[in-house]
Full PDB file with SEQRES, HELIX, SHEET, SSBOND, CRYST1, ORIGX, SCALE, CONECT and MASTER records, all heavy atoms in Angstrom:
SEQRES   1 A   40  CYS LEU HIS PRO ASP ALA VAL SER ALA HIS ASP GLY ALA          
SEQRES   2 A   40  LYS HIS ALA THR THR ASP PHE SER VAL LEU GLU ASP VAL          
SEQRES   3 A   40  GLY LYS ARG ALA ALA TRP VAL ALA LEU VAL PRO VAL THR          
SEQRES   4 A   40  GLY                                                          
HELIX    1 AA1 PRO A    4  ALA A    9  5                                   6    
SHEET    1 AA1 2 THR A  18  VAL A  26  0                                        
SHEET    2 AA1 2 ALA A  30  PRO A  37 -1                                        
CRYST1    1.000    1.000    1.000  90.00  90.00  90.00 P 1           1          
ORIGX1      1.000000  0.000000  0.000000        0.00000                         
ORIGX2      0.000000  1.000000  0.000000        0.00000                         
ORIGX3      0.000000  0.000000  1.000000        0.00000                         
SCALE1      1.000000  0.000000  0.000000        0.00000                         
SCALE2      0.000000  1.000000  0.000000        0.00000                         
SCALE3      0.000000  0.000000  1.000000        0.00000                         
ATOM      1  N   CYS A   1     -35.699 -44.736 -49.330  1.00  0.00           N  
ATOM      2  CA  CYS A   1     -34.792 -44.285 -48.478  1.00  0.00           C  
ATOM      3  C   CYS A   1     -33.450 -44.995 -48.504  1.00  0.00           C  
ATOM      4  O   CYS A   1     -33.508 -46.245 -48.440  1.00  0.00           O  
ATOM      5  CB  CYS A   1     -35.337 -44.056 -47.019  1.00  0.00           C  
ATOM      6  SG  CYS A   1     -36.492 -42.717 -46.778  1.00  0.00           S  
ATOM      7  N   LEU A   2     -32.371 -44.361 -48.378  1.00  0.00           N  
ATOM      8  CA  LEU A   2     -31.025 -44.931 -48.367  1.00  0.00           C  
ATOM      9  C   LEU A   2     -30.284 -44.373 -47.192  1.00  0.00           C  
ATOM     10  O   LEU A   2     -30.330 -43.168 -46.828  1.00  0.00           O  
ATOM     11  CB  LEU A   2     -30.284 -44.687 -49.588  1.00  0.00           C  
ATOM     12  CG  LEU A   2     -30.858 -45.117 -50.898  1.00  0.00           C  
ATOM     13  CD1 LEU A   2     -30.140 -44.586 -52.209  1.00  0.00           C  
ATOM     14  CD2 LEU A   2     -30.884 -46.646 -51.069  1.00  0.00           C  
ATOM     15  N   HIS A   3     -29.321 -45.216 -46.545  1.00  0.00           N  
ATOM     16  CA  HIS A   3     -28.447 -44.711 -45.704  1.00  0.00           C  
ATOM     17  C   HIS A   3     -27.488 -43.636 -46.472  1.00  0.00           C  
ATOM     18  O   HIS A   3     -27.173 -43.745 -47.521  1.00  0.00           O  
ATOM     19  CB  HIS A   3     -27.493 -45.821 -45.146  1.00  0.00           C  
ATOM     20  CG  HIS A   3     -26.598 -45.374 -43.990  1.00  0.00           C  
ATOM     21  ND1 HIS A   3     -25.429 -44.658 -44.139  1.00  0.00           N  
ATOM     22  CD2 HIS A   3     -26.751 -45.596 -42.686  1.00  0.00           C  
ATOM     23  CE1 HIS A   3     -24.901 -44.445 -42.993  1.00  0.00           C  
ATOM     24  NE2 HIS A   3     -25.722 -44.923 -42.058  1.00  0.00           N  
ATOM     25  N   PRO A   4     -27.244 -42.495 -45.629  1.00  0.00           N  
ATOM     26  CA  PRO A   4     -26.423 -41.481 -46.341  1.00  0.00           C  
ATOM     27  C   PRO A   4     -25.161 -41.931 -46.948  1.00  0.00           C  
ATOM     28  O   PRO A   4     -24.787 -41.480 -48.042  1.00  0.00           O  
ATOM     29  CB  PRO A   4     -26.143 -40.448 -45.189  1.00  0.00           C  
ATOM     30  CG  PRO A   4     -27.243 -40.682 -44.216  1.00  0.00           C  
ATOM     31  CD  PRO A   4     -27.632 -42.141 -44.301  1.00  0.00           C  
ATOM     32  N   ASP A   5     -24.495 -42.878 -46.363  1.00  0.00           N  
ATOM     33  CA  ASP A   5     -23.236 -43.490 -46.980  1.00  0.00           C  
ATOM     34  C   ASP A   5     -23.477 -44.252 -48.260  1.00  0.00           C  
ATOM     35  O   ASP A   5     -22.511 -44.461 -48.911  1.00  0.00           O  
ATOM     36  CB  ASP A   5     -22.524 -44.317 -45.874  1.00  0.00           C  
ATOM     37  CG  ASP A   5     -22.031 -43.566 -44.642  1.00  0.00           C  
ATOM     38  OD1 ASP A   5     -21.947 -42.312 -44.790  1.00  0.00           O  
ATOM     39  OD2 ASP A   5     -21.757 -44.191 -43.650  1.00  0.00           O  
ATOM     40  N   ALA A   6     -24.743 -44.681 -48.522  1.00  0.00           N  
ATOM     41  CA  ALA A   6     -25.028 -45.399 -49.673  1.00  0.00           C  
ATOM     42  C   ALA A   6     -25.467 -44.692 -50.877  1.00  0.00           C  
ATOM     43  O   ALA A   6     -25.670 -45.227 -51.976  1.00  0.00           O  
ATOM     44  CB  ALA A   6     -26.091 -46.490 -49.313  1.00  0.00           C  
ATOM     45  N   VAL A   7     -25.703 -43.377 -50.665  1.00  0.00           N  
ATOM     46  CA  VAL A   7     -26.169 -42.571 -51.802  1.00  0.00           C  
ATOM     47  C   VAL A   7     -25.297 -42.545 -53.025  1.00  0.00           C  
ATOM     48  O   VAL A   7     -25.808 -42.632 -54.144  1.00  0.00           O  
ATOM     49  CB  VAL A   7     -26.455 -41.073 -51.240  1.00  0.00           C  
ATOM     50  CG1 VAL A   7     -26.723 -40.187 -52.446  1.00  0.00           C  
ATOM     51  CG2 VAL A   7     -27.485 -41.017 -50.227  1.00  0.00           C  
ATOM     52  N   SER A   8     -23.989 -42.423 -52.761  1.00  0.00           N  
ATOM     53  CA  SER A   8     -23.097 -42.337 -53.903  1.00  0.00           C  
ATOM     54  C   SER A   8     -23.084 -43.639 -54.749  1.00  0.00           C  
ATOM     55  O   SER A   8     -22.667 -43.705 -55.893  1.00  0.00           O  
ATOM     56  CB  SER A   8     -21.659 -41.991 -53.442  1.00  0.00           C  
ATOM     57  OG  SER A   8     -21.213 -43.015 -52.610  1.00  0.00           O  
ATOM     58  N   ALA A   9     -23.545 -44.709 -54.142  1.00  0.00           N  
ATOM     59  CA  ALA A   9     -23.508 -46.119 -54.836  1.00  0.00           C  
ATOM     60  C   ALA A   9     -24.786 -46.348 -55.702  1.00  0.00           C  
ATOM     61  O   ALA A   9     -24.865 -47.368 -56.368  1.00  0.00           O  
ATOM     62  CB  ALA A   9     -23.304 -47.123 -53.773  1.00  0.00           C  
ATOM     63  N   HIS A  10     -25.653 -45.406 -55.671  1.00  0.00           N  
ATOM     64  CA  HIS A  10     -26.984 -45.613 -56.384  1.00  0.00           C  
ATOM     65  C   HIS A  10     -27.131 -44.456 -57.398  1.00  0.00           C  
ATOM     66  O   HIS A  10     -27.176 -43.311 -56.998  1.00  0.00           O  
ATOM     67  CB  HIS A  10     -28.162 -45.574 -55.471  1.00  0.00           C  
ATOM     68  CG  HIS A  10     -28.223 -46.850 -54.596  1.00  0.00           C  
ATOM     69  ND1 HIS A  10     -27.418 -46.971 -53.454  1.00  0.00           N  
ATOM     70  CD2 HIS A  10     -28.950 -47.977 -54.606  1.00  0.00           C  
ATOM     71  CE1 HIS A  10     -27.634 -48.124 -52.884  1.00  0.00           C  
ATOM     72  NE2 HIS A  10     -28.684 -48.700 -53.575  1.00  0.00           N  
ATOM     73  N   ASP A  11     -27.283 -44.890 -58.729  1.00  0.00           N  
ATOM     74  CA  ASP A  11     -27.541 -43.883 -59.781  1.00  0.00           C  
ATOM     75  C   ASP A  11     -28.847 -43.084 -59.522  1.00  0.00           C  
ATOM     76  O   ASP A  11     -29.831 -43.683 -59.335  1.00  0.00           O  
ATOM     77  CB  ASP A  11     -27.587 -44.671 -61.074  1.00  0.00           C  
ATOM     78  CG  ASP A  11     -27.623 -43.669 -62.240  1.00  0.00           C  
ATOM     79  OD1 ASP A  11     -27.011 -42.600 -62.216  1.00  0.00           O  
ATOM     80  OD2 ASP A  11     -28.392 -43.947 -63.239  1.00  0.00           O  
ATOM     81  N   GLY A  12     -28.683 -41.788 -59.573  1.00  0.00           N  
ATOM     82  CA  GLY A  12     -29.842 -40.941 -59.440  1.00  0.00           C  
ATOM     83  C   GLY A  12     -30.242 -40.631 -58.001  1.00  0.00           C  
ATOM     84  O   GLY A  12     -31.129 -39.851 -57.697  1.00  0.00           O  
ATOM     85  N   ALA A  13     -29.581 -41.233 -56.953  1.00  0.00           N  
ATOM     86  CA  ALA A  13     -29.834 -41.068 -55.623  1.00  0.00           C  
ATOM     87  C   ALA A  13     -29.343 -39.616 -55.135  1.00  0.00           C  
ATOM     88  O   ALA A  13     -28.310 -39.115 -55.681  1.00  0.00           O  
ATOM     89  CB  ALA A  13     -29.202 -42.042 -54.664  1.00  0.00           C  
ATOM     90  N   LYS A  14     -30.100 -39.004 -54.210  1.00  0.00           N  
ATOM     91  CA  LYS A  14     -29.665 -37.737 -53.736  1.00  0.00           C  
ATOM     92  C   LYS A  14     -29.732 -37.572 -52.191  1.00  0.00           C  
ATOM     93  O   LYS A  14     -30.663 -38.296 -51.560  1.00  0.00           O  
ATOM     94  CB  LYS A  14     -30.677 -36.572 -54.284  1.00  0.00           C  
ATOM     95  CG  LYS A  14     -30.575 -36.515 -55.848  1.00  0.00           C  
ATOM     96  CD  LYS A  14     -31.468 -35.442 -56.273  1.00  0.00           C  
ATOM     97  CE  LYS A  14     -31.501 -35.356 -57.858  1.00  0.00           C  
ATOM     98  NZ  LYS A  14     -32.448 -34.336 -58.372  1.00  0.00           N  
ATOM     99  N   HIS A  15     -28.884 -36.783 -51.607  1.00  0.00           N  
ATOM    100  CA  HIS A  15     -28.922 -36.684 -50.197  1.00  0.00           C  
ATOM    101  C   HIS A  15     -30.223 -35.889 -49.790  1.00  0.00           C  
ATOM    102  O   HIS A  15     -30.569 -34.951 -50.678  1.00  0.00           O  
ATOM    103  CB  HIS A  15     -27.628 -35.953 -49.715  1.00  0.00           C  
ATOM    104  CG  HIS A  15     -26.429 -36.798 -49.756  1.00  0.00           C  
ATOM    105  ND1 HIS A  15     -26.179 -37.751 -48.786  1.00  0.00           N  
ATOM    106  CD2 HIS A  15     -25.482 -36.763 -50.646  1.00  0.00           C  
ATOM    107  CE1 HIS A  15     -24.981 -38.361 -49.091  1.00  0.00           C  
ATOM    108  NE2 HIS A  15     -24.560 -37.740 -50.206  1.00  0.00           N  
ATOM    109  N   ALA A  16     -30.777 -36.025 -48.693  1.00  0.00           N  
ATOM    110  CA  ALA A  16     -31.934 -35.336 -48.328  1.00  0.00           C  
ATOM    111  C   ALA A  16     -31.983 -35.125 -46.788  1.00  0.00           C  
ATOM    112  O   ALA A  16     -31.524 -36.072 -46.040  1.00  0.00           O  
ATOM    113  CB  ALA A  16     -33.156 -36.086 -48.675  1.00  0.00           C  
ATOM    114  N   THR A  17     -32.367 -33.973 -46.276  1.00  0.00           N  
ATOM    115  CA  THR A  17     -32.310 -33.649 -44.896  1.00  0.00           C  
ATOM    116  C   THR A  17     -33.673 -33.047 -44.455  1.00  0.00           C  
ATOM    117  O   THR A  17     -34.105 -32.129 -45.142  1.00  0.00           O  
ATOM    118  CB  THR A  17     -31.193 -32.640 -44.556  1.00  0.00           C  
ATOM    119  OG1 THR A  17     -29.952 -33.165 -44.995  1.00  0.00           O  
ATOM    120  CG2 THR A  17     -31.097 -32.400 -43.051  1.00  0.00           C  
ATOM    121  N   THR A  18     -34.240 -33.467 -43.405  1.00  0.00           N  
ATOM    122  CA  THR A  18     -35.489 -33.012 -42.834  1.00  0.00           C  
ATOM    123  C   THR A  18     -35.365 -32.761 -41.343  1.00  0.00           C  
ATOM    124  O   THR A  18     -34.887 -33.707 -40.640  1.00  0.00           O  
ATOM    125  CB  THR A  18     -36.605 -33.962 -43.125  1.00  0.00           C  
ATOM    126  OG1 THR A  18     -36.815 -34.181 -44.431  1.00  0.00           O  
ATOM    127  CG2 THR A  18     -38.021 -33.505 -42.451  1.00  0.00           C  
ATOM    128  N   ASP A  19     -35.717 -31.602 -40.820  1.00  0.00           N  
ATOM    129  CA  ASP A  19     -35.772 -31.355 -39.473  1.00  0.00           C  
ATOM    130  C   ASP A  19     -37.244 -31.601 -38.950  1.00  0.00           C  
ATOM    131  O   ASP A  19     -38.258 -31.236 -39.762  1.00  0.00           O  
ATOM    132  CB  ASP A  19     -35.448 -29.878 -39.155  1.00  0.00           C  
ATOM    133  CG  ASP A  19     -33.985 -29.621 -39.385  1.00  0.00           C  
ATOM    134  OD1 ASP A  19     -33.145 -30.590 -39.267  1.00  0.00           O  
ATOM    135  OD2 ASP A  19     -33.690 -28.439 -39.608  1.00  0.00           O  
ATOM    136  N   PHE A  20     -37.452 -32.170 -37.813  1.00  0.00           N  
ATOM    137  CA  PHE A  20     -38.707 -32.360 -37.283  1.00  0.00           C  
ATOM    138  C   PHE A  20     -38.887 -32.042 -35.760  1.00  0.00           C  
ATOM    139  O   PHE A  20     -37.897 -31.985 -35.053  1.00  0.00           O  
ATOM    140  CB  PHE A  20     -39.235 -33.841 -37.468  1.00  0.00           C  
ATOM    141  CG  PHE A  20     -38.560 -34.823 -36.499  1.00  0.00           C  
ATOM    142  CD1 PHE A  20     -38.985 -35.107 -35.311  1.00  0.00           C  
ATOM    143  CD2 PHE A  20     -37.362 -35.504 -36.910  1.00  0.00           C  
ATOM    144  CE1 PHE A  20     -38.379 -36.033 -34.429  1.00  0.00           C  
ATOM    145  CE2 PHE A  20     -36.653 -36.382 -36.156  1.00  0.00           C  
ATOM    146  CZ  PHE A  20     -37.197 -36.627 -34.846  1.00  0.00           C  
ATOM    147  N   SER A  21     -40.048 -31.554 -35.376  1.00  0.00           N  
ATOM    148  CA  SER A  21     -40.223 -31.233 -33.994  1.00  0.00           C  
ATOM    149  C   SER A  21     -41.745 -31.581 -33.657  1.00  0.00           C  
ATOM    150  O   SER A  21     -42.653 -31.232 -34.334  1.00  0.00           O  
ATOM    151  CB  SER A  21     -40.059 -29.736 -33.839  1.00  0.00           C  
ATOM    152  OG  SER A  21     -40.429 -29.334 -32.436  1.00  0.00           O  
ATOM    153  N   VAL A  22     -41.954 -32.432 -32.609  1.00  0.00           N  
ATOM    154  CA  VAL A  22     -43.237 -32.779 -32.144  1.00  0.00           C  
ATOM    155  C   VAL A  22     -43.812 -31.606 -31.307  1.00  0.00           C  
ATOM    156  O   VAL A  22     -43.335 -31.070 -30.323  1.00  0.00           O  
ATOM    157  CB  VAL A  22     -43.208 -34.041 -31.246  1.00  0.00           C  
ATOM    158  CG1 VAL A  22     -44.583 -34.337 -30.663  1.00  0.00           C  
ATOM    159  CG2 VAL A  22     -42.646 -35.183 -32.035  1.00  0.00           C  
ATOM    160  N   LEU A  23     -45.075 -31.157 -31.745  1.00  0.00           N  
ATOM    161  CA  LEU A  23     -45.749 -29.977 -31.156  1.00  0.00           C  
ATOM    162  C   LEU A  23     -46.702 -30.483 -29.985  1.00  0.00           C  
ATOM    163  O   LEU A  23     -46.816 -29.913 -28.990  1.00  0.00           O  
ATOM    164  CB  LEU A  23     -46.399 -29.110 -32.076  1.00  0.00           C  
ATOM    165  CG  LEU A  23     -45.474 -28.533 -33.193  1.00  0.00           C  
ATOM    166  CD1 LEU A  23     -46.276 -27.690 -34.099  1.00  0.00           C  
ATOM    167  CD2 LEU A  23     -44.308 -27.786 -32.546  1.00  0.00           C  
ATOM    168  N   GLU A  24     -47.474 -31.507 -30.350  1.00  0.00           N  
ATOM    169  CA  GLU A  24     -48.404 -32.134 -29.441  1.00  0.00           C  
ATOM    170  C   GLU A  24     -48.505 -33.654 -29.838  1.00  0.00           C  
ATOM    171  O   GLU A  24     -48.131 -34.080 -30.892  1.00  0.00           O  
ATOM    172  CB  GLU A  24     -49.778 -31.541 -29.505  1.00  0.00           C  
ATOM    173  CG  GLU A  24     -49.863 -30.093 -29.039  1.00  0.00           C  
ATOM    174  CD  GLU A  24     -49.718 -29.971 -27.483  1.00  0.00           C  
ATOM    175  OE1 GLU A  24     -49.999 -30.897 -26.848  1.00  0.00           O  
ATOM    176  OE2 GLU A  24     -49.398 -28.854 -27.133  1.00  0.00           O  
ATOM    177  N   ASP A  25     -48.972 -34.477 -28.796  1.00  0.00           N  
ATOM    178  CA  ASP A  25     -49.116 -35.866 -29.114  1.00  0.00           C  
ATOM    179  C   ASP A  25     -50.329 -36.426 -28.392  1.00  0.00           C  
ATOM    180  O   ASP A  25     -50.887 -35.820 -27.395  1.00  0.00           O  
ATOM    181  CB  ASP A  25     -47.895 -36.685 -28.712  1.00  0.00           C  
ATOM    182  CG  ASP A  25     -47.588 -36.659 -27.250  1.00  0.00           C  
ATOM    183  OD1 ASP A  25     -48.235 -37.283 -26.463  1.00  0.00           O  
ATOM    184  OD2 ASP A  25     -46.666 -35.833 -26.851  1.00  0.00           O  
ATOM    185  N   VAL A  26     -50.806 -37.590 -28.845  1.00  0.00           N  
ATOM    186  CA  VAL A  26     -51.946 -38.343 -28.285  1.00  0.00           C  
ATOM    187  C   VAL A  26     -51.291 -39.612 -27.734  1.00  0.00           C  
ATOM    188  O   VAL A  26     -51.265 -40.663 -28.407  1.00  0.00           O  
ATOM    189  CB  VAL A  26     -53.074 -38.559 -29.228  1.00  0.00           C  
ATOM    190  CG1 VAL A  26     -54.195 -39.311 -28.546  1.00  0.00           C  
ATOM    191  CG2 VAL A  26     -53.542 -37.281 -29.839  1.00  0.00           C  
ATOM    192  N   GLY A  27     -50.617 -39.594 -26.574  1.00  0.00           N  
ATOM    193  CA  GLY A  27     -49.966 -40.689 -26.076  1.00  0.00           C  
ATOM    194  C   GLY A  27     -48.926 -41.196 -27.139  1.00  0.00           C  
ATOM    195  O   GLY A  27     -48.150 -40.299 -27.638  1.00  0.00           O  
ATOM    196  N   LYS A  28     -48.878 -42.440 -27.439  1.00  0.00           N  
ATOM    197  CA  LYS A  28     -47.972 -43.001 -28.398  1.00  0.00           C  
ATOM    198  C   LYS A  28     -48.751 -43.193 -29.766  1.00  0.00           C  
ATOM    199  O   LYS A  28     -48.226 -43.812 -30.597  1.00  0.00           O  
ATOM    200  CB  LYS A  28     -47.415 -44.242 -27.809  1.00  0.00           C  
ATOM    201  CG  LYS A  28     -46.501 -44.122 -26.720  1.00  0.00           C  
ATOM    202  CD  LYS A  28     -45.894 -45.475 -26.243  1.00  0.00           C  
ATOM    203  CE  LYS A  28     -45.030 -45.362 -25.018  1.00  0.00           C  
ATOM    204  NZ  LYS A  28     -44.382 -46.678 -24.584  1.00  0.00           N  
ATOM    205  N   ARG A  29     -49.949 -42.839 -29.865  1.00  0.00           N  
ATOM    206  CA  ARG A  29     -50.792 -43.153 -31.046  1.00  0.00           C  
ATOM    207  C   ARG A  29     -50.604 -42.155 -32.124  1.00  0.00           C  
ATOM    208  O   ARG A  29     -50.705 -42.597 -33.311  1.00  0.00           O  
ATOM    209  CB  ARG A  29     -52.264 -43.273 -30.630  1.00  0.00           C  
ATOM    210  CG  ARG A  29     -53.078 -43.808 -31.751  1.00  0.00           C  
ATOM    211  CD  ARG A  29     -52.741 -45.207 -32.149  1.00  0.00           C  
ATOM    212  NE  ARG A  29     -53.390 -45.684 -33.315  1.00  0.00           N  
ATOM    213  CZ  ARG A  29     -52.904 -45.570 -34.601  1.00  0.00           C  
ATOM    214  NH1 ARG A  29     -51.797 -44.856 -34.818  1.00  0.00           N  
ATOM    215  NH2 ARG A  29     -53.623 -46.016 -35.608  1.00  0.00           N  
ATOM    216  N   ALA A  30     -50.508 -40.944 -31.872  1.00  0.00           N  
ATOM    217  CA  ALA A  30     -50.429 -39.873 -33.023  1.00  0.00           C  
ATOM    218  C   ALA A  30     -49.813 -38.639 -32.446  1.00  0.00           C  
ATOM    219  O   ALA A  30     -49.768 -38.348 -31.270  1.00  0.00           O  
ATOM    220  CB  ALA A  30     -51.868 -39.565 -33.569  1.00  0.00           C  
ATOM    221  N   ALA A  31     -49.239 -37.879 -33.428  1.00  0.00           N  
ATOM    222  CA  ALA A  31     -48.534 -36.697 -33.028  1.00  0.00           C  
ATOM    223  C   ALA A  31     -48.724 -35.664 -34.108  1.00  0.00           C  
ATOM    224  O   ALA A  31     -48.911 -35.870 -35.277  1.00  0.00           O  
ATOM    225  CB  ALA A  31     -47.071 -36.932 -32.853  1.00  0.00           C  
ATOM    226  N   TRP A  32     -48.687 -34.309 -33.657  1.00  0.00           N  
ATOM    227  CA  TRP A  32     -48.687 -33.094 -34.500  1.00  0.00           C  
ATOM    228  C   TRP A  32     -47.259 -32.728 -34.585  1.00  0.00           C  
ATOM    229  O   TRP A  32     -46.614 -32.438 -33.668  1.00  0.00           O  
ATOM    230  CB  TRP A  32     -49.596 -32.048 -33.777  1.00  0.00           C  
ATOM    231  CG  TRP A  32     -49.401 -30.645 -34.295  1.00  0.00           C  
ATOM    232  CD1 TRP A  32     -48.850 -30.274 -35.434  1.00  0.00           C  
ATOM    233  CD2 TRP A  32     -50.016 -29.450 -33.646  1.00  0.00           C  
ATOM    234  NE1 TRP A  32     -48.978 -28.867 -35.547  1.00  0.00           N  
ATOM    235  CE2 TRP A  32     -49.703 -28.362 -34.476  1.00  0.00           C  
ATOM    236  CE3 TRP A  32     -50.752 -29.378 -32.531  1.00  0.00           C  
ATOM    237  CZ2 TRP A  32     -50.095 -27.113 -34.144  1.00  0.00           C  
ATOM    238  CZ3 TRP A  32     -51.113 -28.041 -32.267  1.00  0.00           C  
ATOM    239  CH2 TRP A  32     -50.804 -26.940 -33.024  1.00  0.00           C  
ATOM    240  N   VAL A  33     -46.729 -32.716 -35.774  1.00  0.00           N  
ATOM    241  CA  VAL A  33     -45.341 -32.506 -36.010  1.00  0.00           C  
ATOM    242  C   VAL A  33     -45.090 -31.374 -36.988  1.00  0.00           C  
ATOM    243  O   VAL A  33     -45.851 -31.252 -37.995  1.00  0.00           O  
ATOM    244  CB  VAL A  33     -44.673 -33.860 -36.657  1.00  0.00           C  
ATOM    245  CG1 VAL A  33     -43.242 -33.682 -36.934  1.00  0.00           C  
ATOM    246  CG2 VAL A  33     -44.880 -34.957 -35.680  1.00  0.00           C  
ATOM    247  N   ALA A  34     -44.125 -30.509 -36.633  1.00  0.00           N  
ATOM    248  CA  ALA A  34     -43.609 -29.470 -37.650  1.00  0.00           C  
ATOM    249  C   ALA A  34     -42.398 -29.984 -38.350  1.00  0.00           C  
ATOM    250  O   ALA A  34     -41.558 -30.711 -37.762  1.00  0.00           O  
ATOM    251  CB  ALA A  34     -43.262 -28.196 -36.809  1.00  0.00           C  
ATOM    252  N   LEU A  35     -42.383 -29.766 -39.631  1.00  0.00           N  
ATOM    253  CA  LEU A  35     -41.317 -30.357 -40.505  1.00  0.00           C  
ATOM    254  C   LEU A  35     -40.650 -29.231 -41.300  1.00  0.00           C  
ATOM    255  O   LEU A  35     -41.404 -28.373 -42.016  1.00  0.00           O  
ATOM    256  CB  LEU A  35     -41.895 -31.375 -41.471  1.00  0.00           C  
ATOM    257  CG  LEU A  35     -42.568 -32.633 -40.742  1.00  0.00           C  
ATOM    258  CD1 LEU A  35     -43.336 -33.363 -41.811  1.00  0.00           C  
ATOM    259  CD2 LEU A  35     -41.497 -33.525 -40.112  1.00  0.00           C  
ATOM    260  N   VAL A  36     -39.377 -29.320 -41.437  1.00  0.00           N  
ATOM    261  CA  VAL A  36     -38.687 -28.232 -42.345  1.00  0.00           C  
ATOM    262  C   VAL A  36     -37.903 -29.076 -43.340  1.00  0.00           C  
ATOM    263  O   VAL A  36     -37.008 -29.913 -42.914  1.00  0.00           O  
ATOM    264  CB  VAL A  36     -37.787 -27.404 -41.505  1.00  0.00           C  
ATOM    265  CG1 VAL A  36     -36.830 -26.538 -42.561  1.00  0.00           C  
ATOM    266  CG2 VAL A  36     -38.560 -26.355 -40.664  1.00  0.00           C  
ATOM    267  N   PRO A  37     -38.159 -29.018 -44.675  1.00  0.00           N  
ATOM    268  CA  PRO A  37     -37.373 -29.689 -45.710  1.00  0.00           C  
ATOM    269  C   PRO A  37     -36.076 -28.916 -45.912  1.00  0.00           C  
ATOM    270  O   PRO A  37     -36.208 -27.963 -46.841  1.00  0.00           O  
ATOM    271  CB  PRO A  37     -38.404 -29.675 -46.831  1.00  0.00           C  
ATOM    272  CG  PRO A  37     -39.228 -28.519 -46.693  1.00  0.00           C  
ATOM    273  CD  PRO A  37     -39.352 -28.286 -45.203  1.00  0.00           C  
ATOM    274  N   VAL A  38     -34.990 -29.256 -45.214  1.00  0.00           N  
ATOM    275  CA  VAL A  38     -33.816 -28.483 -45.551  1.00  0.00           C  
ATOM    276  C   VAL A  38     -33.327 -28.620 -47.031  1.00  0.00           C  
ATOM    277  O   VAL A  38     -32.852 -27.718 -47.687  1.00  0.00           O  
ATOM    278  CB  VAL A  38     -32.592 -28.993 -44.688  1.00  0.00           C  
ATOM    279  CG1 VAL A  38     -31.367 -28.330 -44.840  1.00  0.00           C  
ATOM    280  CG2 VAL A  38     -33.200 -28.878 -43.168  1.00  0.00           C  
ATOM    281  N   THR A  39     -33.595 -29.875 -47.600  1.00  0.00           N  
ATOM    282  CA  THR A  39     -33.441 -30.022 -48.954  1.00  0.00           C  
ATOM    283  C   THR A  39     -34.929 -30.261 -49.524  1.00  0.00           C  
ATOM    284  O   THR A  39     -35.778 -30.423 -48.823  1.00  0.00           O  
ATOM    285  CB  THR A  39     -32.656 -31.308 -49.322  1.00  0.00           C  
ATOM    286  OG1 THR A  39     -33.206 -32.453 -48.603  1.00  0.00           O  
ATOM    287  CG2 THR A  39     -31.150 -31.155 -48.860  1.00  0.00           C  
ATOM    288  N   GLY A  40     -35.046 -30.144 -50.916  1.00  0.00           N  
ATOM    289  CA  GLY A  40     -36.339 -30.181 -51.450  1.00  0.00           C  
ATOM    290  C   GLY A  40     -36.518 -31.398 -52.430  1.00  0.00           C  
ATOM    291  O   GLY A  40     -36.692 -31.129 -53.658  1.00  0.00           O  
TER     292      GLY A  40                                                      
MASTER        0    0    0    1    2    0    0    6  291    1    0    4          
END                                                                             
């Protein structure tokens, strides 16, 4: 993973975007998460 501003400085690097939403959790130990890969 790279900071978005550093992508252009690395050969072959690509921007990537993911949306996430927590649906349920077990305290702070684990979570059920929905994910949408805006990029692939």
